[in-house]
């Protein structure tokens, strides 16, 4: 299948509490489907979360389920969840 673009199931997650790490992000989004990768972006100079991250699902179902949910809450905060730019 050369020349065919592979579908990406990656979400950009913003407004994360600073206490959330990769493990918690993976745990939360696993309820929608198999998560291939979850990462939180950290400020290397101070070691704290920048408040956003990425979740990549293995398949379309998990991606669509998480994308279509109206509101996501982690530790009382409403997350901003949207498809990541390729």
Protein backbone atom coordinates (compact mmCIF):
# COMPACT_ATOMS: atom_id res chain seq x y z
CA UNK A 1 0.00 0.00 0.00
CA UNK A 2 2.68 2.47 -0.84
CA UNK A 3 1.42 5.97 -1.43
CA UNK A 4 -1.62 5.48 0.80
CA UNK A 5 -1.76 7.68 3.89
CA UNK A 6 -2.33 5.72 7.09
CA UNK A 7 -5.23 6.94 9.21
CA UNK A 8 -4.10 8.61 12.42
CA UNK A 9 -6.10 8.12 15.60
CA UNK A 10 -4.27 10.74 17.64
CA UNK A 11 -5.96 13.24 19.95
CA UNK A 12 -4.60 16.47 21.39
CA UNK A 13 -5.60 16.82 25.04
CA UNK A 14 -5.40 20.28 26.66
CA UNK A 15 -6.21 21.73 30.09
CA UNK A 16 -4.67 18.77 31.95
CA UNK A 17 -4.16 19.19 35.68
CA UNK A 18 -0.44 19.41 36.49
CA UNK A 19 -0.77 16.26 38.63
CA UNK A 20 -1.68 14.07 35.63
CA UNK A 21 1.03 11.93 34.07
CA UNK A 22 1.19 9.40 31.27
CA UNK A 23 -0.17 6.59 33.45
CA UNK A 24 -3.32 8.51 34.47
CA UNK A 25 -3.94 9.75 30.91
CA UNK A 26 -3.63 6.20 29.57
CA UNK A 27 -5.92 4.86 32.29
CA UNK A 28 -8.65 7.43 31.63
CA UNK A 29 -8.71 7.11 27.84
CA UNK A 30 -8.47 3.30 27.91
CA UNK A 31 -12.17 3.26 28.77
CA UNK A 32 -12.83 4.27 25.13
CA UNK A 33 -10.61 1.64 23.50
CA UNK A 34 -7.06 0.36 23.26
CA UNK A 35 -4.57 3.20 23.70
CA UNK A 36 -1.38 2.66 21.70
CA UNK A 37 0.38 5.65 23.27
CA UNK A 38 -0.31 8.35 25.82
CA UNK A 39 2.06 11.19 26.62
CA UNK A 40 2.03 14.36 28.67
CA UNK A 41 4.32 17.20 27.58
CA UNK A 42 6.64 18.44 30.32
CA UNK A 43 8.73 21.59 30.62
CA UNK A 44 12.25 20.19 30.72
CA UNK A 45 13.69 23.15 32.61
CA UNK A 46 11.34 22.92 35.60
CA UNK A 47 9.98 19.37 35.29
CA UNK A 48 6.30 20.28 35.46
CA UNK A 49 3.56 19.44 33.01
CA UNK A 50 2.77 22.05 30.38
CA UNK A 51 -0.91 21.09 30.74
CA UNK A 52 -1.33 19.22 27.49
CA UNK A 53 -0.58 15.87 25.94
CA UNK A 54 -1.49 13.36 23.26
CA UNK A 55 -3.37 10.07 23.15
CA UNK A 56 -3.12 7.69 20.18
CA UNK A 57 -5.66 4.93 19.81
CA UNK A 58 -5.01 1.64 18.01
CA UNK A 59 -8.30 1.82 16.18
CA UNK A 60 -11.06 4.06 14.95
CA UNK A 61 -13.67 3.02 17.56
CA UNK A 62 -11.73 4.29 20.58
CA UNK A 63 -10.77 7.47 18.74
CA UNK A 64 -14.35 8.19 17.72
CA UNK A 65 -15.73 7.36 21.16
CA UNK A 66 -13.35 9.77 22.87
CA UNK A 67 -13.79 12.44 20.18
CA UNK A 68 -17.58 12.33 20.30
CA UNK A 69 -17.94 12.55 24.07
CA UNK A 70 -19.22 16.01 25.02
CA UNK A 71 -17.06 16.54 28.09
CA UNK A 72 -14.07 14.83 29.62
CA UNK A 73 -13.25 15.39 33.30
CA UNK A 74 -10.03 14.51 35.11
CA UNK A 75 -9.58 15.65 38.70
CA UNK A 76 -12.45 18.12 38.35
CA UNK A 77 -11.11 19.82 35.23
CA UNK A 78 -12.83 19.87 31.86
CA UNK A 79 -10.38 18.72 29.21
CA UNK A 80 -10.14 20.15 25.72
CA UNK A 81 -10.06 17.09 23.43
CA UNK A 82 -9.63 17.44 19.67
CA UNK A 83 -7.99 15.56 16.78
CA UNK A 84 -4.25 16.24 16.64
CA UNK A 85 -2.77 17.90 13.60
CA UNK A 86 -0.82 15.43 11.49
